[in-house]
Amino acid sequence: MKIPNIFESQTQPVSFPVGGIIFQEGQPGGEMYIVKQGEVELRVHGKTVEVVGPDGFFGEMAVIEGGQRSATAIAKSDCVLIPVAAKRFEFMIHEIPFFAVEVMKGLARRLRSFNENS
């Protein structure tokens, strides 16, 4: 579930210190993130479900459905993230098939992992 940093030249990176909360479960979600450096821990109902490292992504579910965050994202280490706003996400889905396929693979893998661990 890795995406090369194709957004890096078009989006200002954001940094979070270890322990920093990127977003919380239940909040509205208007962007997804690609990890440039560091690791991000994803928690559902307080339980760690995944750790996302460099070139991995997270936060796409809320962008796709325009709903609330399904997980809490916390910086597991100092990290640098590339935010991808919803409009940019939609453009990339339409224009770059590789991006769309990688997002679908990531969603499928997360769903399978969540089901196996539930």
PDB file of N, CA and C in Angstrom:
ATOM      1  N   MET A   1       0.828  -1.176   0.000  1.00  0.00           N
ATOM      2  CA  MET A   1       0.000   0.000   0.000  1.00  0.00           C
ATOM      3  C   MET A   1       0.877   1.247   0.000  1.00  0.00           C
ATOM      4  N   LYS A   2       1.704   1.348  -0.993  1.00  0.00           N
ATOM      5  CA  LYS A   2       2.611   2.487  -1.050  1.00  0.00           C
ATOM      6  C   LYS A   2       2.361   3.293  -2.306  1.00  0.00           C
ATOM      7  N   ILE A   3       2.402   4.590  -2.148  1.00  0.00           N
ATOM      8  CA  ILE A   3       2.234   5.507  -3.264  1.00  0.00           C
ATOM      9  C   ILE A   3       3.464   6.399  -3.302  1.00  0.00           C
ATOM     10  N   PRO A   4       4.136   6.478  -4.451  1.00  0.00           N
ATOM     11  CA  PRO A   4       5.268   7.402  -4.540  1.00  0.00           C
ATOM     12  C   PRO A   4       4.772   8.821  -4.271  1.00  0.00           C
ATOM     13  N   ASN A   5       5.625   9.650  -3.822  1.00  0.00           N
ATOM     14  CA  ASN A   5       5.215  11.006  -3.441  1.00  0.00           C
ATOM     15  C   ASN A   5       4.937  11.884  -4.661  1.00  0.00           C
ATOM     16  N   ILE A   6       3.888  11.518  -5.415  1.00  0.00           N
ATOM     17  CA  ILE A   6       3.514  12.271  -6.603  1.00  0.00           C
ATOM     18  C   ILE A   6       2.867  13.602  -6.251  1.00  0.00           C
ATOM     19  N   PHE A   7       2.531  13.803  -5.002  1.00  0.00           N
ATOM     20  CA  PHE A   7       1.889  15.040  -4.570  1.00  0.00           C
ATOM     21  C   PHE A   7       2.878  16.036  -3.979  1.00  0.00           C
ATOM     22  N   GLU A   8       4.078  15.593  -3.741  1.00  0.00           N
ATOM     23  CA  GLU A   8       5.041  16.373  -2.975  1.00  0.00           C
ATOM     24  C   GLU A   8       5.281  17.766  -3.540  1.00  0.00           C
ATOM     25  N   SER A   9       5.368  17.907  -4.860  1.00  0.00           N
ATOM     26  CA  SER A   9       5.672  19.210  -5.444  1.00  0.00           C
ATOM     27  C   SER A   9       4.461  20.134  -5.453  1.00  0.00           C
ATOM     28  N   GLN A  10       3.264  19.607  -5.158  1.00  0.00           N
ATOM     29  CA  GLN A  10       2.059  20.411  -5.242  1.00  0.00           C
ATOM     30  C   GLN A  10       1.403  20.686  -3.895  1.00  0.00           C
ATOM     31  N   THR A  11       1.921  20.105  -2.859  1.00  0.00           N
ATOM     32  CA  THR A  11       1.301  20.224  -1.537  1.00  0.00           C
ATOM     33  C   THR A  11       2.363  20.479  -0.481  1.00  0.00           C
ATOM     34  N   GLN A  12       2.088  21.402   0.405  1.00  0.00           N
ATOM     35  CA  GLN A  12       3.001  21.714   1.498  1.00  0.00           C
ATOM     36  C   GLN A  12       2.953  20.608   2.545  1.00  0.00           C
ATOM     37  N   PRO A  13       4.081  19.972   2.856  1.00  0.00           N
ATOM     38  CA  PRO A  13       4.084  18.923   3.892  1.00  0.00           C
ATOM     39  C   PRO A  13       3.730  19.507   5.265  1.00  0.00           C
ATOM     40  N   VAL A  14       3.190  18.651   6.123  1.00  0.00           N
ATOM     41  CA  VAL A  14       2.908  19.029   7.507  1.00  0.00           C
ATOM     42  C   VAL A  14       3.659  18.067   8.419  1.00  0.00           C
ATOM     43  N   SER A  15       4.112  18.583   9.549  1.00  0.00           N
ATOM     44  CA  SER A  15       4.882  17.773  10.494  1.00  0.00           C
ATOM     45  C   SER A  15       4.107  17.574  11.779  1.00  0.00           C
ATOM     46  N   PHE A  16       4.293  16.392  12.374  1.00  0.00           N
ATOM     47  CA  PHE A  16       3.690  16.073  13.662  1.00  0.00           C
ATOM     48  C   PHE A  16       4.755  15.451  14.548  1.00  0.00           C
ATOM     49  N   PRO A  17       4.837  15.873  15.807  1.00  0.00           N
ATOM     50  CA  PRO A  17       5.790  15.260  16.737  1.00  0.00           C
ATOM     51  C   PRO A  17       5.265  13.912  17.211  1.00  0.00           C
ATOM     52  N   VAL A  18       6.150  13.084  17.727  1.00  0.00           N
ATOM     53  CA  VAL A  18       5.734  11.793  18.274  1.00  0.00           C
ATOM     54  C   VAL A  18       4.592  12.019  19.264  1.00  0.00           C
ATOM     55  N   GLY A  19       3.525  11.228  19.132  1.00  0.00           N
ATOM     56  CA  GLY A  19       2.363  11.361  20.004  1.00  0.00           C
ATOM     57  C   GLY A  19       1.328  12.365  19.528  1.00  0.00           C
ATOM     58  N   GLY A  20       1.665  13.139  18.482  1.00  0.00           N
ATOM     59  CA  GLY A  20       0.723  14.141  17.981  1.00  0.00           C
ATOM     60  C   GLY A  20      -0.488  13.496  17.324  1.00  0.00           C
ATOM     61  N   ILE A  21      -1.662  14.048  17.593  1.00  0.00           N
ATOM     62  CA  ILE A  21      -2.894  13.526  17.006  1.00  0.00           C
ATOM     63  C   ILE A  21      -3.126  14.220  15.667  1.00  0.00           C
ATOM     64  N   ILE A  22      -3.180  13.429  14.612  1.00  0.00           N
ATOM     65  CA  ILE A  22      -3.386  13.941  13.263  1.00  0.00           C
ATOM     66  C   ILE A  22      -4.873  14.164  13.032  1.00  0.00           C
ATOM     67  N   PHE A  23      -5.684  13.190  13.394  1.00  0.00           N
ATOM     68  CA  PHE A  23      -7.131  13.338  13.423  1.00  0.00           C
ATOM     69  C   PHE A  23      -7.705  12.280  14.354  1.00  0.00           C
ATOM     70  N   GLN A  24      -8.967  12.508  14.755  1.00  0.00           N
ATOM     71  CA  GLN A  24      -9.615  11.584  15.689  1.00  0.00           C
ATOM     72  C   GLN A  24     -10.835  10.934  15.056  1.00  0.00           C
ATOM     73  N   GLU A  25     -11.072   9.713  15.479  1.00  0.00           N
ATOM     74  CA  GLU A  25     -12.248   8.962  15.051  1.00  0.00           C
ATOM     75  C   GLU A  25     -13.491   9.821  15.268  1.00  0.00           C
ATOM     76  N   GLY A  26     -14.353   9.886  14.259  1.00  0.00           N
ATOM     77  CA  GLY A  26     -15.588  10.646  14.352  1.00  0.00           C
ATOM     78  C   GLY A  26     -15.513  12.062  13.803  1.00  0.00           C
ATOM     79  N   GLN A  27     -14.313  12.590  13.620  1.00  0.00           N
ATOM     80  CA  GLN A  27     -14.173  13.931  13.046  1.00  0.00           C
ATOM     81  C   GLN A  27     -14.484  13.883  11.551  1.00  0.00           C
ATOM     82  N   PRO A  28     -14.923  15.025  10.986  1.00  0.00           N
ATOM     83  CA  PRO A  28     -15.102  15.053   9.534  1.00  0.00           C
ATOM     84  C   PRO A  28     -13.744  14.938   8.853  1.00  0.00           C
ATOM     85  N   GLY A  29     -13.717  14.335   7.675  1.00  0.00           N
ATOM     86  CA  GLY A  29     -12.450  14.138   6.974  1.00  0.00           C
ATOM     87  C   GLY A  29     -12.462  14.767   5.600  1.00  0.00           C
ATOM     88  N   GLY A  30     -11.633  15.758   5.382  1.00  0.00           N
ATOM     89  CA  GLY A  30     -11.571  16.435   4.085  1.00  0.00           C
ATOM     90  C   GLY A  30     -10.290  16.181   3.327  1.00  0.00           C
ATOM     91  N   GLU A  31      -9.388  15.381   3.905  1.00  0.00           N
ATOM     92  CA  GLU A  31      -8.134  15.081   3.220  1.00  0.00           C
ATOM     93  C   GLU A  31      -7.572  13.758   3.693  1.00  0.00           C
ATOM     94  N   MET A  32      -6.764  13.164   2.844  1.00  0.00           N
ATOM     95  CA  MET A  32      -6.024  11.961   3.208  1.00  0.00           C
ATOM     96  C   MET A  32      -4.565  12.368   3.330  1.00  0.00           C
ATOM     97  N   TYR A  33      -3.724  11.461   3.764  1.00  0.00           N
ATOM     98  CA  TYR A  33      -2.307  11.765   3.972  1.00  0.00           C
ATOM     99  C   TYR A  33      -1.428  10.671   3.392  1.00  0.00           C
ATOM    100  N   ILE A  34      -0.291  11.080   2.880  1.00  0.00           N
ATOM    101  CA  ILE A  34       0.762  10.163   2.463  1.00  0.00           C
ATOM    102  C   ILE A  34       1.940  10.416   3.400  1.00  0.00           C
ATOM    103  N   VAL A  35       2.511   9.363   3.936  1.00  0.00           N
ATOM    104  CA  VAL A  35       3.618   9.489   4.881  1.00  0.00           C
ATOM    105  C   VAL A  35       4.913   9.673   4.096  1.00  0.00           C
ATOM    106  N   LYS A  36       5.549  10.808   4.320  1.00  0.00           N
ATOM    107  CA  LYS A  36       6.851  11.078   3.694  1.00  0.00           C
ATOM    108  C   LYS A  36       7.972  10.552   4.588  1.00  0.00           C
ATOM    109  N   GLN A  37       7.855  10.816   5.893  1.00  0.00           N
ATOM    110  CA  GLN A  37       8.846  10.359   6.876  1.00  0.00           C
ATOM    111  C   GLN A  37       8.118   9.966   8.151  1.00  0.00           C
ATOM    112  N   GLY A  38       8.658   8.960   8.836  1.00  0.00           N
ATOM    113  CA  GLY A  38       8.109   8.550  10.120  1.00  0.00           C
ATOM    114  C   GLY A  38       7.049   7.476   9.995  1.00  0.00           C
ATOM    115  N   GLU A  39       6.302   7.289  11.094  1.00  0.00           N
ATOM    116  CA  GLU A  39       5.252   6.283  11.146  1.00  0.00           C
ATOM    117  C   GLU A  39       4.016   6.846  11.838  1.00  0.00           C
ATOM    118  N   VAL A  40       2.858   6.406  11.367  1.00  0.00           N
ATOM    119  CA  VAL A  40       1.581   6.839  11.921  1.00  0.00           C
ATOM    120  C   VAL A  40       0.809   5.600  12.369  1.00  0.00           C
ATOM    121  N   GLU A  41       0.301   5.643  13.588  1.00  0.00           N
ATOM    122  CA  GLU A  41      -0.481   4.542  14.141  1.00  0.00           C
ATOM    123  C   GLU A  41      -1.965   4.845  13.951  1.00  0.00           C
ATOM    124  N   LEU A  42      -2.705   3.870  13.405  1.00  0.00           N
ATOM    125  CA  LEU A  42      -4.145   4.010  13.227  1.00  0.00           C
ATOM    126  C   LEU A  42      -4.845   3.177  14.288  1.00  0.00           C
ATOM    127  N   ARG A  43      -5.766   3.798  15.021  1.00  0.00           N
ATOM    128  CA  ARG A  43      -6.492   3.120  16.094  1.00  0.00           C
ATOM    129  C   ARG A  43      -7.992   3.211  15.856  1.00  0.00           C
ATOM    130  N   VAL A  44      -8.681   2.102  16.065  1.00  0.00           N
ATOM    131  CA  VAL A  44     -10.138   2.057  15.998  1.00  0.00           C
ATOM    132  C   VAL A  44     -10.630   1.641  17.374  1.00  0.00           C
ATOM    133  N   HIS A  45     -11.459   2.488  17.977  1.00  0.00           N
ATOM    134  CA  HIS A  45     -11.963   2.259  19.335  1.00  0.00           C
ATOM    135  C   HIS A  45     -10.806   1.989  20.304  1.00  0.00           C
ATOM    136  N   GLY A  46      -9.707   2.727  20.130  1.00  0.00           N
ATOM    137  CA  GLY A  46      -8.558   2.622  21.031  1.00  0.00           C
ATOM    138  C   GLY A  46      -7.603   1.483  20.739  1.00  0.00           C
ATOM    139  N   LYS A  47      -7.941   0.609  19.794  1.00  0.00           N
ATOM    140  CA  LYS A  47      -7.096  -0.539  19.469  1.00  0.00           C
ATOM    141  C   LYS A  47      -6.282  -0.254  18.198  1.00  0.00           C
ATOM    142  N   THR A  48      -4.979  -0.498  18.266  1.00  0.00           N
ATOM    143  CA  THR A  48      -4.132  -0.291  17.092  1.00  0.00           C
ATOM    144  C   THR A  48      -4.478  -1.315  16.023  1.00  0.00           C
ATOM    145  N   VAL A  49      -4.786  -0.822  14.822  1.00  0.00           N
ATOM    146  CA  VAL A  49      -5.136  -1.710  13.709  1.00  0.00           C
ATOM    147  C   VAL A  49      -4.078  -1.710  12.619  1.00  0.00           C
ATOM    148  N   GLU A  50      -3.228  -0.675  12.601  1.00  0.00           N
ATOM    149  CA  GLU A  50      -2.194  -0.610  11.568  1.00  0.00           C
ATOM    150  C   GLU A  50      -1.187   0.478  11.923  1.00  0.00           C
ATOM    151  N   VAL A  51       0.044   0.270  11.435  1.00  0.00           N
ATOM    152  CA  VAL A  51       1.071   1.307  11.491  1.00  0.00           C
ATOM    153  C   VAL A  51       1.478   1.574  10.050  1.00  0.00           C
ATOM    154  N   VAL A  52       1.395   2.829   9.642  1.00  0.00           N
ATOM    155  CA  VAL A  52       1.682   3.227   8.268  1.00  0.00           C
ATOM    156  C   VAL A  52       3.038   3.927   8.228  1.00  0.00           C
ATOM    157  N   GLY A  53       3.916   3.453   7.343  1.00  0.00           N
ATOM    158  CA  GLY A  53       5.258   4.015   7.209  1.00  0.00           C
ATOM    159  C   GLY A  53       5.414   4.811   5.927  1.00  0.00           C
ATOM    160  N   PRO A  54       6.661   5.189   5.600  1.00  0.00           N
ATOM    161  CA  PRO A  54       6.938   6.012   4.425  1.00  0.00           C
ATOM    162  C   PRO A  54       6.327   5.461   3.137  1.00  0.00           C
ATOM    163  N   ASP A  55       5.743   6.371   2.364  1.00  0.00           N
ATOM    164  CA  ASP A  55       5.043   6.133   1.097  1.00  0.00           C
ATOM    165  C   ASP A  55       3.702   5.433   1.284  1.00  0.00           C
ATOM    166  N   GLY A  56       3.330   5.112   2.531  1.00  0.00           N
ATOM    167  CA  GLY A  56       2.002   4.570   2.795  1.00  0.00           C
ATOM    168  C   GLY A  56       1.007   5.712   2.911  1.00  0.00           C
ATOM    169  N   PHE A  57      -0.271   5.378   2.915  1.00  0.00           N
ATOM    170  CA  PHE A  57      -1.300   6.419   3.004  1.00  0.00           C
ATOM    171  C   PHE A  57      -2.389   6.007   3.981  1.00  0.00           C
ATOM    172  N   PHE A  58      -3.147   7.001   4.417  1.00  0.00           N
ATOM    173  CA  PHE A  58      -4.262   6.771   5.337  1.00  0.00           C
ATOM    174  C   PHE A  58      -5.216   7.952   5.255  1.00  0.00           C
ATOM    175  N   GLY A  59      -6.420   7.751   5.766  1.00  0.00           N
ATOM    176  CA  GLY A  59      -7.419   8.819   5.769  1.00  0.00           C
ATOM    177  C   GLY A  59      -8.277   8.861   4.519  1.00  0.00           C
ATOM    178  N   GLU A  60      -8.078   7.895   3.616  1.00  0.00           N
ATOM    179  CA  GLU A  60      -8.786   7.916   2.335  1.00  0.00           C
ATOM    180  C   GLU A  60     -10.273   7.586   2.462  1.00  0.00           C
ATOM    181  N   MET A  61     -10.643   6.802   3.463  1.00  0.00           N
ATOM    182  CA  MET A  61     -12.046   6.381   3.583  1.00  0.00           C
ATOM    183  C   MET A  61     -12.982   7.576   3.769  1.00  0.00           C
ATOM    184  N   ALA A  62     -12.629   8.499   4.635  1.00  0.00           N
ATOM    185  CA  ALA A  62     -13.469   9.668   4.875  1.00  0.00           C
ATOM    186  C   ALA A  62     -13.522  10.572   3.649  1.00  0.00           C
ATOM    187  N   VAL A  63     -12.434  10.611   2.876  1.00  0.00           N
ATOM    188  CA  VAL A  63     -12.411  11.427   1.659  1.00  0.00           C
ATOM    189  C   VAL A  63     -13.320  10.797   0.598  1.00  0.00           C
ATOM    190  N   ILE A  64     -13.247   9.490   0.457  1.00  0.00           N
ATOM    191  CA  ILE A  64     -14.044   8.794  -0.554  1.00  0.00           C
ATOM    192  C   ILE A  64     -15.537   8.944  -0.274  1.00  0.00           C
ATOM    193  N   GLU A  65     -15.939   8.713   0.964  1.00  0.00           N
ATOM    194  CA  GLU A  65     -17.360   8.737   1.271  1.00  0.00           C
ATOM    195  C   GLU A  65     -17.859  10.087   1.779  1.00  0.00           C
ATOM    196  N   GLY A  66     -16.947  11.033   2.000  1.00  0.00           N
ATOM    197  CA  GLY A  66     -17.351  12.351   2.472  1.00  0.00           C
ATOM    198  C   GLY A  66     -17.930  12.312   3.873  1.00  0.00           C
ATOM    199  N   GLY A  67     -17.496  11.352   4.664  1.00  0.00           N
ATOM    200  CA  GLY A  67     -18.042  11.188   6.002  1.00  0.00           C
ATOM    201  C   GLY A  67     -17.041  11.454   7.101  1.00  0.00           C
ATOM    202  N   GLN A  68     -17.279  10.805   8.220  1.00  0.00           N
ATOM    203  CA  GLN A  68     -16.439  10.987   9.390  1.00  0.00           C
ATOM    204  C   GLN A  68     -15.261  10.021   9.366  1.00  0.00           C
ATOM    205  N   ARG A  69     -14.253  10.361  10.122  1.00  0.00           N
ATOM    206  CA  ARG A  69     -13.081   9.500  10.259  1.00  0.00           C
ATOM    207  C   ARG A  69     -13.469   8.206  10.957  1.00  0.00           C
ATOM    208  N   SER A  70     -12.983   7.093  10.440  1.00  0.00           N
ATOM    209  CA  SER A  70     -13.290   5.790  11.025  1.00  0.00           C
ATOM    210  C   SER A  70     -12.220   5.342  12.006  1.00  0.00           C
ATOM    211  N   ALA A  71     -11.145   6.125  12.110  1.00  0.00           N
ATOM    212  CA  ALA A  71     -10.036   5.782  13.002  1.00  0.00           C
ATOM    213  C   ALA A  71      -9.414   7.057  13.548  1.00  0.00           C
ATOM    214  N   THR A  72      -8.574   6.878  14.550  1.00  0.00           N
ATOM    215  CA  THR A  72      -7.743   7.960  15.073  1.00  0.00           C
ATOM    216  C   THR A  72      -6.338   7.727  14.548  1.00  0.00           C
ATOM    217  N   ALA A  73      -5.698   8.785  14.072  1.00  0.00           N
ATOM    218  CA  ALA A  73      -4.331   8.695  13.557  1.00  0.00           C
ATOM    219  C   ALA A  73      -3.404   9.469  14.485  1.00  0.00           C
ATOM    220  N   ILE A  74      -2.367   8.775  14.967  1.00  0.00           N
ATOM    221  CA  ILE A  74      -1.419   9.353  15.921  1.00  0.00           C
ATOM    222  C   ILE A  74       0.001   9.146  15.399  1.00  0.00           C
ATOM    223  N   ALA A  75       0.820  10.178  15.489  1.00  0.00           N
ATOM    224  CA  ALA A  75       2.218  10.059  15.066  1.00  0.00           C
ATOM    225  C   ALA A  75       2.946   9.106  16.009  1.00  0.00           C
ATOM    226  N   LYS A  76       3.399   7.978  15.481  1.00  0.00           N
ATOM    227  CA  LYS A  76       4.134   6.999  16.288  1.00  0.00           C
ATOM    228  C   LYS A  76       5.579   7.444  16.472  1.00  0.00           C
ATOM    229  N   SER A  77       6.058   8.255  15.540  1.00  0.00           N
ATOM    230  CA  SER A  77       7.376   8.881  15.615  1.00  0.00           C
ATOM    231  C   SER A  77       7.207  10.278  15.036  1.00  0.00           C
ATOM    232  N   ASP A  78       8.237  11.101  15.131  1.00  0.00           N
ATOM    233  CA  ASP A  78       8.160  12.385  14.444  1.00  0.00           C
ATOM    234  C   ASP A  78       7.903  12.070  12.976  1.00  0.00           C
ATOM    235  N   CYS A  79       6.931  12.750  12.377  1.00  0.00           N
ATOM    236  CA  CYS A  79       6.626  12.409  10.993  1.00  0.00           C
ATOM    237  C   CYS A  79       6.333  13.642  10.150  1.00  0.00           C
ATOM    238  N   VAL A  80       6.525  13.460   8.862  1.00  0.00           N
ATOM    239  CA  VAL A  80       6.213  14.472   7.861  1.00  0.00           C
ATOM    240  C   VAL A  80       5.198  13.834   6.921  1.00  0.00           C
ATOM    241  N   LEU A  81       4.074  14.518   6.741  1.00  0.00           N
ATOM    242  CA  LEU A  81       2.974  13.991   5.937  1.00  0.00           C
ATOM    243  C   LEU A  81       2.659  14.931   4.781  1.00  0.00           C
ATOM    244  N   ILE A  82       2.197  14.336   3.688  1.00  0.00           N
ATOM    245  CA  ILE A  82       1.740  15.108   2.536  1.00  0.00           C
ATOM    246  C   ILE A  82       0.210  15.024   2.536  1.00  0.00           C
ATOM    247  N   PRO A  83      -0.478  16.141   2.841  1.00  0.00           N
ATOM    248  CA  PRO A  83      -1.939  16.102   2.806  1.00  0.00           C
ATOM    249  C   PRO A  83      -2.440  16.133   1.359  1.00  0.00           C
ATOM    250  N   VAL A  84      -3.508  15.403   1.101  1.00  0.00           N
ATOM    251  CA  VAL A  84      -4.131  15.383  -0.227  1.00  0.00           C
ATOM    252  C   VAL A  84      -5.607  15.735  -0.028  1.00  0.00           C
ATOM    253  N   ALA A  85      -5.967  16.945  -0.432  1.00  0.00           N
ATOM    254  CA  ALA A  85      -7.340  17.425  -0.268  1.00  0.00           C
ATOM    255  C   ALA A  85      -8.296  16.616  -1.141  1.00  0.00           C
ATOM    256  N   ALA A  86      -9.562  16.620  -0.775  1.00  0.00           N
ATOM    257  CA  ALA A  86     -10.577  15.830  -1.470  1.00  0.00           C
ATOM    258  C   ALA A  86     -10.632  16.136  -2.966  1.00  0.00           C
ATOM    259  N   LYS A  87     -10.571  17.397  -3.347  1.00  0.00           N
ATOM    260  CA  LYS A  87     -10.628  17.747  -4.768  1.00  0.00           C
ATOM    261  C   LYS A  87      -9.416  17.210  -5.524  1.00  0.00           C
ATOM    262  N   ARG A  88      -8.253  17.276  -4.912  1.00  0.00           N
ATOM    263  CA  ARG A  88      -7.036  16.736  -5.537  1.00  0.00           C
ATOM    264  C   ARG A  88      -7.135  15.214  -5.626  1.00  0.00           C
ATOM    265  N   PHE A  89      -7.657  14.595  -4.590  1.00  0.00           N
ATOM    266  CA  PHE A  89      -7.850  13.154  -4.580  1.00  0.00           C
ATOM    267  C   PHE A  89      -8.738  12.739  -5.760  1.00  0.00           C
ATOM    268  N   GLU A  90      -9.868  13.409  -5.929  1.00  0.00           N
ATOM    269  CA  GLU A  90     -10.781  13.085  -7.025  1.00  0.00           C
ATOM    270  C   GLU A  90     -10.111  13.262  -8.380  1.00  0.00           C
ATOM    271  N   PHE A  91      -9.343  14.321  -8.542  1.00  0.00           N
ATOM    272  CA  PHE A  91      -8.609  14.544  -9.789  1.00  0.00           C
ATOM    273  C   PHE A  91      -7.652  13.382 -10.057  1.00  0.00           C
ATOM    274  N   MET A  92      -6.918  12.968  -9.026  1.00  0.00           N
ATOM    275  CA  MET A  92      -5.939  11.888  -9.199  1.00  0.00           C
ATOM    276  C   MET A  92      -6.627  10.567  -9.538  1.00  0.00           C
ATOM    277  N   ILE A  93      -7.759  10.291  -8.933  1.00  0.00           N
ATOM    278  CA  ILE A  93      -8.510   9.068  -9.236  1.00  0.00           C
ATOM    279  C   ILE A  93      -8.889   9.046 -10.717  1.00  0.00           C
ATOM    280  N   HIS A  94      -9.324  10.181 -11.233  1.00  0.00           N
ATOM    281  CA  HIS A  94      -9.752  10.260 -12.633  1.00  0.00           C
ATOM    282  C   HIS A  94      -8.583  10.238 -13.616  1.00  0.00           C
ATOM    283  N   GLU A  95      -7.482  10.837 -13.244  1.00  0.00           N
ATOM    284  CA  GLU A  95      -6.388  11.032 -14.195  1.00  0.00           C
ATOM    285  C   GLU A  95      -5.266  10.000 -14.138  1.00  0.00           C
ATOM    286  N   ILE A  96      -5.085   9.352 -12.992  1.00  0.00           N
ATOM    287  CA  ILE A  96      -3.961   8.421 -12.846  1.00  0.00           C
ATOM    288  C   ILE A  96      -4.486   7.071 -12.357  1.00  0.00           C
ATOM    289  N   PRO A  97      -4.721   6.149 -13.279  1.00  0.00           N
ATOM    290  CA  PRO A  97      -5.266   4.833 -12.888  1.00  0.00           C
ATOM    291  C   PRO A  97      -4.430   4.121 -11.821  1.00  0.00           C
ATOM    292  N   PHE A  98      -3.113   4.255 -11.862  1.00  0.00           N
ATOM    293  CA  PHE A  98      -2.249   3.627 -10.853  1.00  0.00           C
ATOM    294  C   PHE A  98      -2.651   4.067  -9.453  1.00  0.00           C
ATOM    295  N   PHE A  99      -2.919   5.342  -9.284  1.00  0.00           N
ATOM    296  CA  PHE A  99      -3.314   5.868  -7.985  1.00  0.00           C
ATOM    297  C   PHE A  99      -4.623   5.227  -7.525  1.00  0.00           C
ATOM    298  N   ALA A 100      -5.610   5.175  -8.412  1.00  0.00           N
ATOM    299  CA  ALA A 100      -6.901   4.588  -8.060  1.00  0.00           C
ATOM    300  C   ALA A 100      -6.753   3.125  -7.656  1.00  0.00           C
ATOM    301  N   VAL A 101      -5.958   2.374  -8.404  1.00  0.00           N
ATOM    302  CA  VAL A 101      -5.754   0.954  -8.104  1.00  0.00           C
ATOM    303  C   VAL A 101      -5.059   0.789  -6.757  1.00  0.00           C
ATOM    304  N   GLU A 102      -4.063   1.586  -6.456  1.00  0.00           N
ATOM    305  CA  GLU A 102      -3.359   1.489  -5.182  1.00  0.00           C
ATOM    306  C   GLU A 102      -4.274   1.820  -4.008  1.00  0.00           C
ATOM    307  N   VAL A 103      -5.137   2.811  -4.176  1.00  0.00           N
ATOM    308  CA  VAL A 103      -6.090   3.147  -3.115  1.00  0.00           C
ATOM    309  C   VAL A 103      -7.056   1.978  -2.892  1.00  0.00           C
ATOM    310  N   MET A 104      -7.550   1.386  -3.980  1.00  0.00           N
ATOM    311  CA  MET A 104      -8.458   0.235  -3.838  1.00  0.00           C
ATOM    312  C   MET A 104      -7.758  -0.945  -3.176  1.00  0.00           C
ATOM    313  N   LYS A 105      -6.516  -1.211  -3.540  1.00  0.00           N
ATOM    314  CA  LYS A 105      -5.756  -2.297  -2.902  1.00  0.00           C
ATOM    315  C   LYS A 105      -5.592  -2.029  -1.409  1.00  0.00           C
ATOM    316  N   GLY A 106      -5.292  -0.786  -1.074  1.00  0.00           N
ATOM    317  CA  GLY A 106      -5.128  -0.416   0.333  1.00  0.00           C
ATOM    318  C   GLY A 106      -6.408  -0.593   1.129  1.00  0.00           C
ATOM    319  N   LEU A 107      -7.530  -0.164   0.562  1.00  0.00           N
ATOM    320  CA  LEU A 107      -8.813  -0.340   1.238  1.00  0.00           C
ATOM    321  C   LEU A 107      -9.141  -1.817   1.437  1.00  0.00           C
ATOM    322  N   ALA A 108      -8.910  -2.612   0.407  1.00  0.00           N
ATOM    323  CA  ALA A 108      -9.196  -4.046   0.502  1.00  0.00           C
ATOM    324  C   ALA A 108      -8.321  -4.705   1.560  1.00  0.00           C
ATOM    325  N   ARG A 109      -7.046  -4.356   1.592  1.00  0.00           N
ATOM    326  CA  ARG A 109      -6.132  -4.941   2.564  1.00  0.00           C
ATOM    327  C   ARG A 109      -6.522  -4.540   3.980  1.00  0.00           C
ATOM    328  N   ARG A 110      -6.872  -3.264   4.170  1.00  0.00           N
ATOM    329  CA  ARG A 110      -7.282  -2.814   5.508  1.00  0.00           C
ATOM    330  C   ARG A 110      -8.553  -3.514   5.958  1.00  0.00           C
ATOM    331  N   LEU A 111      -9.522  -3.638   5.075  1.00  0.00           N
ATOM    332  CA  LEU A 111     -10.770  -4.298   5.420  1.00  0.00           C
ATOM    333  C   LEU A 111     -10.523  -5.762   5.775  1.00  0.00           C
ATOM    334  N   ARG A 112      -9.719  -6.436   4.980  1.00  0.00           N
ATOM    335  CA  ARG A 112      -9.399  -7.849   5.258  1.00  0.00           C
ATOM    336  C   ARG A 112      -8.696  -7.983   6.607  1.00  0.00           C
ATOM    337  N   SER A 113      -7.729  -7.129   6.857  1.00  0.00           N
ATOM    338  CA  SER A 113      -6.981  -7.174   8.115  1.00  0.00           C
ATOM    339  C   SER A 113      -7.903  -6.905   9.297  1.00  0.00           C
ATOM    340  N   PHE A 114      -8.765  -5.931   9.149  1.00  0.00           N
ATOM    341  CA  PHE A 114      -9.685  -5.585  10.234  1.00  0.00           C
ATOM    342  C   PHE A 114     -10.628  -6.764  10.515  1.00  0.00           C
ATOM    343  N   ASN A 115     -11.154  -7.383   9.455  1.00  0.00           N
ATOM    344  CA  ASN A 115     -12.043  -8.532   9.624  1.00  0.00           C
ATOM    345  C   ASN A 115     -11.348  -9.718  10.280  1.00  0.00           C
ATOM    346  N   GLU A 116     -10.100  -9.957   9.921  1.00  0.00           N
ATOM    347  CA  GLU A 116      -9.353 -11.074  10.502  1.00  0.00           C
ATOM    348  C   GLU A 116      -9.023 -10.851  11.967  1.00  0.00           C
ATOM    349  N   ASN A 117      -8.867  -9.588  12.354  1.00  0.00           N
ATOM    350  CA  ASN A 117      -8.484  -9.270  13.729  1.00  0.00           C
ATOM    351  C   ASN A 117      -9.653  -8.912  14.627  1.00  0.00           C
ATOM    352  N   SER A 118     -10.857  -8.956  14.083  1.00  0.00           N
ATOM    353  CA  SER A 118     -12.042  -8.602  14.884  1.00  0.00           C
ATOM    354  C   SER A 118     -12.616  -9.798  15.598  1.00  0.00           C
TER     355      SER A 118
END
